[in-house]
Amino acid sequence: ACPGARVTICVPLSAFRKMFPGAAATGEEETQTRD
């Protein structure tokens, strides 16, 4: 609905690791991935 906008979902690390088991989730300042 908002062309050009960026949208980021911010989830607790415990959930992030289950959703993206292959991602390098080493700390909240560095963990980012695309859907």
PDB file of all heavy atoms in Angstrom:
ATOM      1  N   ALA A   1       0.806  -1.223   0.000  1.00  0.00           N
ATOM      2  CA  ALA A   1       0.000   0.000   0.000  1.00  0.00           C
ATOM      3  C   ALA A   1       0.838   1.271   0.000  1.00  0.00           C
ATOM      4  O   ALA A   1       0.322   2.349  -0.302  1.00  0.00           O
ATOM      5  CB  ALA A   1      -0.927   0.013   1.217  1.00  0.00           C
ATOM      6  N   CYS A   2       2.116   1.149   0.360  1.00  0.00           N
ATOM      7  CA  CYS A   2       2.970   2.333   0.471  1.00  0.00           C
ATOM      8  C   CYS A   2       4.222   2.113  -0.384  1.00  0.00           C
ATOM      9  O   CYS A   2       5.281   1.712   0.130  1.00  0.00           O
ATOM     10  CB  CYS A   2       3.333   2.549   1.945  1.00  0.00           C
ATOM     11  SG  CYS A   2       4.100   4.131   2.312  1.00  0.00           S
ATOM     12  N   PRO A   3       4.132   2.330  -1.684  1.00  0.00           N
ATOM     13  CA  PRO A   3       5.265   2.071  -2.586  1.00  0.00           C
ATOM     14  C   PRO A   3       6.527   2.785  -2.127  1.00  0.00           C
ATOM     15  O   PRO A   3       6.492   3.962  -1.748  1.00  0.00           O
ATOM     16  CB  PRO A   3       4.772   2.605  -3.928  1.00  0.00           C
ATOM     17  CG  PRO A   3       3.283   2.536  -3.835  1.00  0.00           C
ATOM     18  CD  PRO A   3       2.960   2.850  -2.409  1.00  0.00           C
ATOM     19  N   GLY A   4       7.622   2.068  -2.156  1.00  0.00           N
ATOM     20  CA  GLY A   4       8.906   2.634  -1.758  1.00  0.00           C
ATOM     21  C   GLY A   4       9.205   2.495  -0.285  1.00  0.00           C
ATOM     22  O   GLY A   4      10.334   2.744   0.155  1.00  0.00           O
ATOM     23  N   ALA A   5       8.210   2.099   0.502  1.00  0.00           N
ATOM     24  CA  ALA A   5       8.443   1.947   1.940  1.00  0.00           C
ATOM     25  C   ALA A   5       9.229   0.678   2.225  1.00  0.00           C
ATOM     26  O   ALA A   5       9.184  -0.296   1.472  1.00  0.00           O
ATOM     27  CB  ALA A   5       7.111   1.898   2.689  1.00  0.00           C
ATOM     28  N   ARG A   6       9.922   0.713   3.330  1.00  0.00           N
ATOM     29  CA  ARG A   6      10.617  -0.460   3.829  1.00  0.00           C
ATOM     30  C   ARG A   6       9.845  -0.941   5.067  1.00  0.00           C
ATOM     31  O   ARG A   6       9.414  -0.140   5.887  1.00  0.00           O
ATOM     32  CB  ARG A   6      12.063  -0.121   4.214  1.00  0.00           C
ATOM     33  CG  ARG A   6      12.913  -1.337   4.605  1.00  0.00           C
ATOM     34  CD  ARG A   6      14.323  -0.876   4.988  1.00  0.00           C
ATOM     35  NE  ARG A   6      15.183  -1.996   5.307  1.00  0.00           N
ATOM     36  CZ  ARG A   6      15.940  -2.638   4.428  1.00  0.00           C
ATOM     37  NH1 ARG A   6      15.938  -2.260   3.156  1.00  0.00           N
ATOM     38  NH2 ARG A   6      16.701  -3.651   4.809  1.00  0.00           N
ATOM     39  N   VAL A   7       9.664  -2.252   5.191  1.00  0.00           N
ATOM     40  CA  VAL A   7       8.944  -2.821   6.324  1.00  0.00           C
ATOM     41  C   VAL A   7       9.809  -3.898   6.959  1.00  0.00           C
ATOM     42  O   VAL A   7      10.288  -4.810   6.273  1.00  0.00           O
ATOM     43  CB  VAL A   7       7.583  -3.410   5.915  1.00  0.00           C
ATOM     44  CG1 VAL A   7       6.800  -3.819   7.150  1.00  0.00           C
ATOM     45  CG2 VAL A   7       6.781  -2.420   5.076  1.00  0.00           C
ATOM     46  N   THR A   8      10.009  -3.768   8.266  1.00  0.00           N
ATOM     47  CA  THR A   8      10.842  -4.719   9.004  1.00  0.00           C
ATOM     48  C   THR A   8      10.047  -5.278  10.175  1.00  0.00           C
ATOM     49  O   THR A   8       9.451  -4.528  10.941  1.00  0.00           O
ATOM     50  CB  THR A   8      12.119  -4.035   9.544  1.00  0.00           C
ATOM     51  OG1 THR A   8      12.845  -3.467   8.451  1.00  0.00           O
ATOM     52  CG2 THR A   8      13.009  -5.039  10.265  1.00  0.00           C
ATOM     53  N   ILE A   9      10.041  -6.588  10.292  1.00  0.00           N
ATOM     54  CA  ILE A   9       9.410  -7.250  11.432  1.00  0.00           C
ATOM     55  C   ILE A   9      10.501  -7.538  12.460  1.00  0.00           C
ATOM     56  O   ILE A   9      11.531  -8.126  12.139  1.00  0.00           O
ATOM     57  CB  ILE A   9       8.716  -8.549  11.012  1.00  0.00           C
ATOM     58  CG1 ILE A   9       7.615  -8.259   9.984  1.00  0.00           C
ATOM     59  CG2 ILE A   9       8.120  -9.263  12.223  1.00  0.00           C
ATOM     60  CD1 ILE A   9       6.951  -9.499   9.431  1.00  0.00           C
ATOM     61  N   CYS A  10      10.261  -7.114  13.686  1.00  0.00           N
ATOM     62  CA  CYS A  10      11.245  -7.242  14.760  1.00  0.00           C
ATOM     63  C   CYS A  10      10.726  -8.282  15.767  1.00  0.00           C
ATOM     64  O   CYS A  10       9.752  -8.021  16.480  1.00  0.00           O
ATOM     65  CB  CYS A  10      11.436  -5.872  15.418  1.00  0.00           C
ATOM     66  SG  CYS A  10      12.797  -5.775  16.593  1.00  0.00           S
ATOM     67  N   VAL A  11      11.358  -9.443  15.788  1.00  0.00           N
ATOM     68  CA  VAL A  11      10.884 -10.548  16.623  1.00  0.00           C
ATOM     69  C   VAL A  11      11.942 -10.904  17.668  1.00  0.00           C
ATOM     70  O   VAL A  11      13.146 -10.696  17.454  1.00  0.00           O
ATOM     71  CB  VAL A  11      10.559 -11.792  15.782  1.00  0.00           C
ATOM     72  CG1 VAL A  11       9.461 -11.510  14.791  1.00  0.00           C
ATOM     73  CG2 VAL A  11      11.792 -12.325  15.057  1.00  0.00           C
ATOM     74  N   PRO A  12      11.530 -11.446  18.821  1.00  0.00           N
ATOM     75  CA  PRO A  12      12.516 -11.909  19.800  1.00  0.00           C
ATOM     76  C   PRO A  12      13.439 -12.959  19.209  1.00  0.00           C
ATOM     77  O   PRO A  12      13.052 -13.731  18.327  1.00  0.00           O
ATOM     78  CB  PRO A  12      11.648 -12.486  20.921  1.00  0.00           C
ATOM     79  CG  PRO A  12      10.366 -11.722  20.821  1.00  0.00           C
ATOM     80  CD  PRO A  12      10.161 -11.544  19.341  1.00  0.00           C
ATOM     81  N   LEU A  13      14.664 -12.975  19.703  1.00  0.00           N
ATOM     82  CA  LEU A  13      15.694 -13.843  19.147  1.00  0.00           C
ATOM     83  C   LEU A  13      15.294 -15.309  19.181  1.00  0.00           C
ATOM     84  O   LEU A  13      15.610 -16.077  18.264  1.00  0.00           O
ATOM     85  CB  LEU A  13      17.002 -13.632  19.912  1.00  0.00           C
ATOM     86  CG  LEU A  13      18.290 -14.198  19.302  1.00  0.00           C
ATOM     87  CD1 LEU A  13      18.481 -13.708  17.886  1.00  0.00           C
ATOM     88  CD2 LEU A  13      19.485 -13.816  20.175  1.00  0.00           C
ATOM     89  N   SER A  14      14.569 -15.730  20.228  1.00  0.00           N
ATOM     90  CA  SER A  14      14.163 -17.137  20.316  1.00  0.00           C
ATOM     91  C   SER A  14      13.272 -17.517  19.138  1.00  0.00           C
ATOM     92  O   SER A  14      13.408 -18.617  18.570  1.00  0.00           O
ATOM     93  CB  SER A  14      13.427 -17.393  21.634  1.00  0.00           C
ATOM     94  OG  SER A  14      12.272 -16.569  21.745  1.00  0.00           O
ATOM     95  N   ALA A  15      12.354 -16.636  18.763  1.00  0.00           N
ATOM     96  CA  ALA A  15      11.476 -16.899  17.626  1.00  0.00           C
ATOM     97  C   ALA A  15      12.237 -16.792  16.309  1.00  0.00           C
ATOM     98  O   ALA A  15      12.033 -17.597  15.386  1.00  0.00           O
ATOM     99  CB  ALA A  15      10.300 -15.928  17.634  1.00  0.00           C
ATOM    100  N   PHE A  16      13.126 -15.802  16.208  1.00  0.00           N
ATOM    101  CA  PHE A  16      13.909 -15.603  14.987  1.00  0.00           C
ATOM    102  C   PHE A  16      14.692 -16.867  14.631  1.00  0.00           C
ATOM    103  O   PHE A  16      14.740 -17.295  13.481  1.00  0.00           O
ATOM    104  CB  PHE A  16      14.861 -14.423  15.193  1.00  0.00           C
ATOM    105  CG  PHE A  16      15.653 -14.035  13.973  1.00  0.00           C
ATOM    106  CD1 PHE A  16      15.213 -13.011  13.151  1.00  0.00           C
ATOM    107  CD2 PHE A  16      16.835 -14.679  13.650  1.00  0.00           C
ATOM    108  CE1 PHE A  16      15.949 -12.636  12.027  1.00  0.00           C
ATOM    109  CE2 PHE A  16      17.575 -14.316  12.543  1.00  0.00           C
ATOM    110  CZ  PHE A  16      17.129 -13.288  11.723  1.00  0.00           C
ATOM    111  N   ARG A  17      15.300 -17.497  15.624  1.00  0.00           N
ATOM    112  CA  ARG A  17      16.118 -18.699  15.378  1.00  0.00           C
ATOM    113  C   ARG A  17      15.276 -19.865  14.885  1.00  0.00           C
ATOM    114  O   ARG A  17      15.744 -20.701  14.114  1.00  0.00           O
ATOM    115  CB  ARG A  17      16.868 -19.069  16.656  1.00  0.00           C
ATOM    116  CG  ARG A  17      18.017 -18.127  16.975  1.00  0.00           C
ATOM    117  CD  ARG A  17      18.562 -18.356  18.365  1.00  0.00           C
ATOM    118  NE  ARG A  17      19.795 -17.592  18.588  1.00  0.00           N
ATOM    119  CZ  ARG A  17      20.318 -17.358  19.772  1.00  0.00           C
ATOM    120  NH1 ARG A  17      19.693 -17.811  20.871  1.00  0.00           N
ATOM    121  NH2 ARG A  17      21.434 -16.658  19.905  1.00  0.00           N
ATOM    122  N   LYS A  18      14.008 -19.935  15.332  1.00  0.00           N
ATOM    123  CA  LYS A  18      13.130 -20.997  14.853  1.00  0.00           C
ATOM    124  C   LYS A  18      12.654 -20.714  13.439  1.00  0.00           C
ATOM    125  O   LYS A  18      12.503 -21.633  12.620  1.00  0.00           O
ATOM    126  CB  LYS A  18      11.923 -21.136  15.783  1.00  0.00           C
ATOM    127  CG  LYS A  18      12.273 -21.671  17.165  1.00  0.00           C
ATOM    128  CD  LYS A  18      11.041 -21.698  18.061  1.00  0.00           C
ATOM    129  CE  LYS A  18      11.383 -22.204  19.450  1.00  0.00           C
ATOM    130  NZ  LYS A  18      10.193 -22.178  20.350  1.00  0.00           N
ATOM    131  N   MET A  19      12.428 -19.464  13.135  1.00  0.00           N
ATOM    132  CA  MET A  19      11.942 -19.092  11.809  1.00  0.00           C
ATOM    133  C   MET A  19      13.034 -19.157  10.750  1.00  0.00           C
ATOM    134  O   MET A  19      12.776 -19.514   9.607  1.00  0.00           O
ATOM    135  CB  MET A  19      11.358 -17.673  11.860  1.00  0.00           C
ATOM    136  CG  MET A  19      10.134 -17.534  12.743  1.00  0.00           C
ATOM    137  SD  MET A  19       9.704 -15.801  13.052  1.00  0.00           S
ATOM    138  CE  MET A  19       9.158 -15.287  11.421  1.00  0.00           C
ATOM    139  N   PHE A  20      14.253 -18.809  11.141  1.00  0.00           N
ATOM    140  CA  PHE A  20      15.393 -18.773  10.216  1.00  0.00           C
ATOM    141  C   PHE A  20      16.549 -19.577  10.800  1.00  0.00           C
ATOM    142  O   PHE A  20      17.560 -19.008  11.213  1.00  0.00           O
ATOM    143  CB  PHE A  20      15.834 -17.332   9.959  1.00  0.00           C
ATOM    144  CG  PHE A  20      14.767 -16.464   9.376  1.00  0.00           C
ATOM    145  CD1 PHE A  20      14.005 -15.625  10.177  1.00  0.00           C
ATOM    146  CD2 PHE A  20      14.508 -16.483   8.008  1.00  0.00           C
ATOM    147  CE1 PHE A  20      13.019 -14.817   9.638  1.00  0.00           C
ATOM    148  CE2 PHE A  20      13.523 -15.668   7.465  1.00  0.00           C
ATOM    149  CZ  PHE A  20      12.773 -14.839   8.273  1.00  0.00           C
ATOM    150  N   PRO A  21      16.425 -20.896  10.879  1.00  0.00           N
ATOM    151  CA  PRO A  21      17.472 -21.700  11.529  1.00  0.00           C
ATOM    152  C   PRO A  21      18.828 -21.611  10.841  1.00  0.00           C
ATOM    153  O   PRO A  21      19.855 -21.855  11.464  1.00  0.00           O
ATOM    154  CB  PRO A  21      16.903 -23.124  11.473  1.00  0.00           C
ATOM    155  CG  PRO A  21      15.880 -23.090  10.382  1.00  0.00           C
ATOM    156  CD  PRO A  21      15.311 -21.724  10.402  1.00  0.00           C
ATOM    157  N   GLY A  22      18.843 -21.230   9.557  1.00  0.00           N
ATOM    158  CA  GLY A  22      20.118 -21.144   8.845  1.00  0.00           C
ATOM    159  C   GLY A  22      20.762 -19.776   8.914  1.00  0.00           C
ATOM    160  O   GLY A  22      21.893 -19.595   8.445  1.00  0.00           O
ATOM    161  N   ALA A  23      20.080 -18.797   9.500  1.00  0.00           N
ATOM    162  CA  ALA A  23      20.625 -17.446   9.552  1.00  0.00           C
ATOM    163  C   ALA A  23      21.670 -17.327  10.652  1.00  0.00           C
ATOM    164  O   ALA A  23      21.627 -18.018  11.666  1.00  0.00           O
ATOM    165  CB  ALA A  23      19.512 -16.430   9.787  1.00  0.00           C
ATOM    166  N   ALA A  24      22.617 -16.426  10.461  1.00  0.00           N
ATOM    167  CA  ALA A  24      23.673 -16.207  11.454  1.00  0.00           C
ATOM    168  C   ALA A  24      23.171 -15.224  12.494  1.00  0.00           C
ATOM    169  O   ALA A  24      23.487 -14.038  12.458  1.00  0.00           O
ATOM    170  CB  ALA A  24      24.930 -15.689  10.774  1.00  0.00           C
ATOM    171  N   ALA A  25      22.360 -15.713  13.426  1.00  0.00           N
ATOM    172  CA  ALA A  25      21.773 -14.849  14.459  1.00  0.00           C
ATOM    173  C   ALA A  25      22.706 -14.782  15.655  1.00  0.00           C
ATOM    174  O   ALA A  25      22.610 -15.540  16.601  1.00  0.00           O
ATOM    175  CB  ALA A  25      20.414 -15.389  14.875  1.00  0.00           C
ATOM    176  N   THR A  26      23.656 -13.867  15.604  1.00  0.00           N
ATOM    177  CA  THR A  26      24.669 -13.771  16.653  1.00  0.00           C
ATOM    178  C   THR A  26      24.366 -12.697  17.677  1.00  0.00           C
ATOM    179  O   THR A  26      25.000 -12.627  18.713  1.00  0.00           O
ATOM    180  CB  THR A  26      26.047 -13.486  16.023  1.00  0.00           C
ATOM    181  OG1 THR A  26      25.950 -12.271  15.271  1.00  0.00           O
ATOM    182  CG2 THR A  26      26.450 -14.622  15.101  1.00  0.00           C
ATOM    183  N   GLY A  27      23.401 -11.849  17.410  1.00  0.00           N
ATOM    184  CA  GLY A  27      23.085 -10.758  18.333  1.00  0.00           C
ATOM    185  C   GLY A  27      22.117  -9.812  17.675  1.00  0.00           C
ATOM    186  O   GLY A  27      22.076  -9.697  16.456  1.00  0.00           O
ATOM    187  N   GLU A  28      21.301  -9.136  18.465  1.00  0.00           N
ATOM    188  CA  GLU A  28      20.225  -8.358  17.889  1.00  0.00           C
ATOM    189  C   GLU A  28      20.718  -7.214  17.014  1.00  0.00           C
ATOM    190  O   GLU A  28      20.001  -6.771  16.125  1.00  0.00           O
ATOM    191  CB  GLU A  28      19.292  -7.822  18.986  1.00  0.00           C
ATOM    192  CG  GLU A  28      19.898  -6.798  19.928  1.00  0.00           C
ATOM    193  CD  GLU A  28      20.604  -7.427  21.097  1.00  0.00           C
ATOM    194  OE1 GLU A  28      20.880  -8.646  21.050  1.00  0.00           O
ATOM    195  OE2 GLU A  28      20.915  -6.708  22.060  1.00  0.00           O
ATOM    196  N   GLU A  29      21.948  -6.722  17.244  1.00  0.00           N
ATOM    197  CA  GLU A  29      22.420  -5.621  16.424  1.00  0.00           C
ATOM    198  C   GLU A  29      22.805  -6.078  15.021  1.00  0.00           C
ATOM    199  O   GLU A  29      22.963  -5.258  14.135  1.00  0.00           O
ATOM    200  CB  GLU A  29      23.641  -4.951  17.079  1.00  0.00           C
ATOM    201  CG  GLU A  29      23.338  -4.219  18.383  1.00  0.00           C
ATOM    202  CD  GLU A  29      23.384  -5.127  19.589  1.00  0.00           C
ATOM    203  OE1 GLU A  29      23.656  -6.321  19.422  1.00  0.00           O
ATOM    204  OE2 GLU A  29      23.137  -4.635  20.699  1.00  0.00           O
ATOM    205  N   GLU A  30      22.987  -7.377  14.798  1.00  0.00           N
ATOM    206  CA  GLU A  30      23.513  -7.834  13.523  1.00  0.00           C
ATOM    207  C   GLU A  30      22.582  -8.785  12.776  1.00  0.00           C
ATOM    208  O   GLU A  30      22.879  -9.181  11.665  1.00  0.00           O
ATOM    209  CB  GLU A  30      24.854  -8.558  13.741  1.00  0.00           C
ATOM    210  CG  GLU A  30      25.905  -7.665  14.371  1.00  0.00           C
ATOM    211  CD  GLU A  30      27.184  -8.408  14.702  1.00  0.00           C
ATOM    212  OE1 GLU A  30      27.246  -9.620  14.437  1.00  0.00           O
ATOM    213  OE2 GLU A  30      28.098  -7.783  15.225  1.00  0.00           O
ATOM    214  N   THR A  31      21.472  -9.176  13.367  1.00  0.00           N
ATOM    215  CA  THR A  31      20.627 -10.184  12.748  1.00  0.00           C
ATOM    216  C   THR A  31      19.569  -9.532  11.888  1.00  0.00           C
ATOM    217  O   THR A  31      18.658  -8.890  12.372  1.00  0.00           O
ATOM    218  CB  THR A  31      19.947 -11.046  13.817  1.00  0.00           C
ATOM    219  OG1 THR A  31      19.257 -10.186  14.729  1.00  0.00           O
ATOM    220  CG2 THR A  31      20.950 -11.856  14.578  1.00  0.00           C
ATOM    221  N   GLN A  32      19.698  -9.686  10.587  1.00  0.00           N
ATOM    222  CA  GLN A  32      18.688  -9.168   9.674  1.00  0.00           C
ATOM    223  C   GLN A  32      18.626 -10.082   8.474  1.00  0.00           C
ATOM    224  O   GLN A  32      19.644 -10.563   7.985  1.00  0.00           O
ATOM    225  CB  GLN A  32      19.016  -7.753   9.233  1.00  0.00           C
ATOM    226  CG  GLN A  32      17.908  -7.137   8.409  1.00  0.00           C
ATOM    227  CD  GLN A  32      18.120  -5.661   8.199  1.00  0.00           C
ATOM    228  OE1 GLN A  32      19.102  -5.112   8.657  1.00  0.00           O
ATOM    229  NE2 GLN A  32      17.211  -5.034   7.504  1.00  0.00           N
ATOM    230  N   THR A  33      17.440 -10.353   8.022  1.00  0.00           N
ATOM    231  CA  THR A  33      17.269 -11.182   6.843  1.00  0.00           C
ATOM    232  C   THR A  33      16.012 -10.754   6.132  1.00  0.00           C
ATOM    233  O   THR A  33      15.183 -10.029   6.683  1.00  0.00           O
ATOM    234  CB  THR A  33      17.206 -12.675   7.204  1.00  0.00           C
ATOM    235  OG1 THR A  33      17.248 -13.448   6.015  1.00  0.00           O
ATOM    236  CG2 THR A  33      15.951 -13.010   7.994  1.00  0.00           C
ATOM    237  N   ARG A  34      15.856 -11.173   4.896  1.00  0.00           N
ATOM    238  CA  ARG A  34      14.693 -10.813   4.099  1.00  0.00           C
ATOM    239  C   ARG A  34      13.709 -11.969   4.103  1.00  0.00           C
ATOM    240  O   ARG A  34      14.087 -13.123   4.256  1.00  0.00           O
ATOM    241  CB  ARG A  34      15.133 -10.502   2.654  1.00  0.00           C
ATOM    242  CG  ARG A  34      14.049  -9.896   1.792  1.00  0.00           C
ATOM    243  CD  ARG A  34      14.639  -9.299   0.516  1.00  0.00           C
ATOM    244  NE  ARG A  34      15.270 -10.304  -0.306  1.00  0.00           N
ATOM    245  CZ  ARG A  34      14.609 -11.026  -1.210  1.00  0.00           C
ATOM    246  NH1 ARG A  34      13.327 -10.877  -1.382  1.00  0.00           N
ATOM    247  NH2 ARG A  34      15.260 -11.909  -1.939  1.00  0.00           N
ATOM    248  N   ASP A  35      12.406 -11.668   3.928  1.00  0.00           N
ATOM    249  CA  ASP A  35      11.392 -12.709   3.864  1.00  0.00           C
ATOM    250  C   ASP A  35      11.545 -13.423   2.530  1.00  0.00           C
ATOM    251  O   ASP A  35      10.956 -13.087   1.525  1.00  0.00           O
ATOM    252  CB  ASP A  35       9.994 -12.096   3.972  1.00  0.00           C
ATOM    253  CG  ASP A  35       8.937 -13.158   4.197  1.00  0.00           C
ATOM    254  OD1 ASP A  35       9.317 -14.322   4.400  1.00  0.00           O
ATOM    255  OD2 ASP A  35       7.753 -12.815   4.179  1.00  0.00           O
TER     256      ASP A  35
END
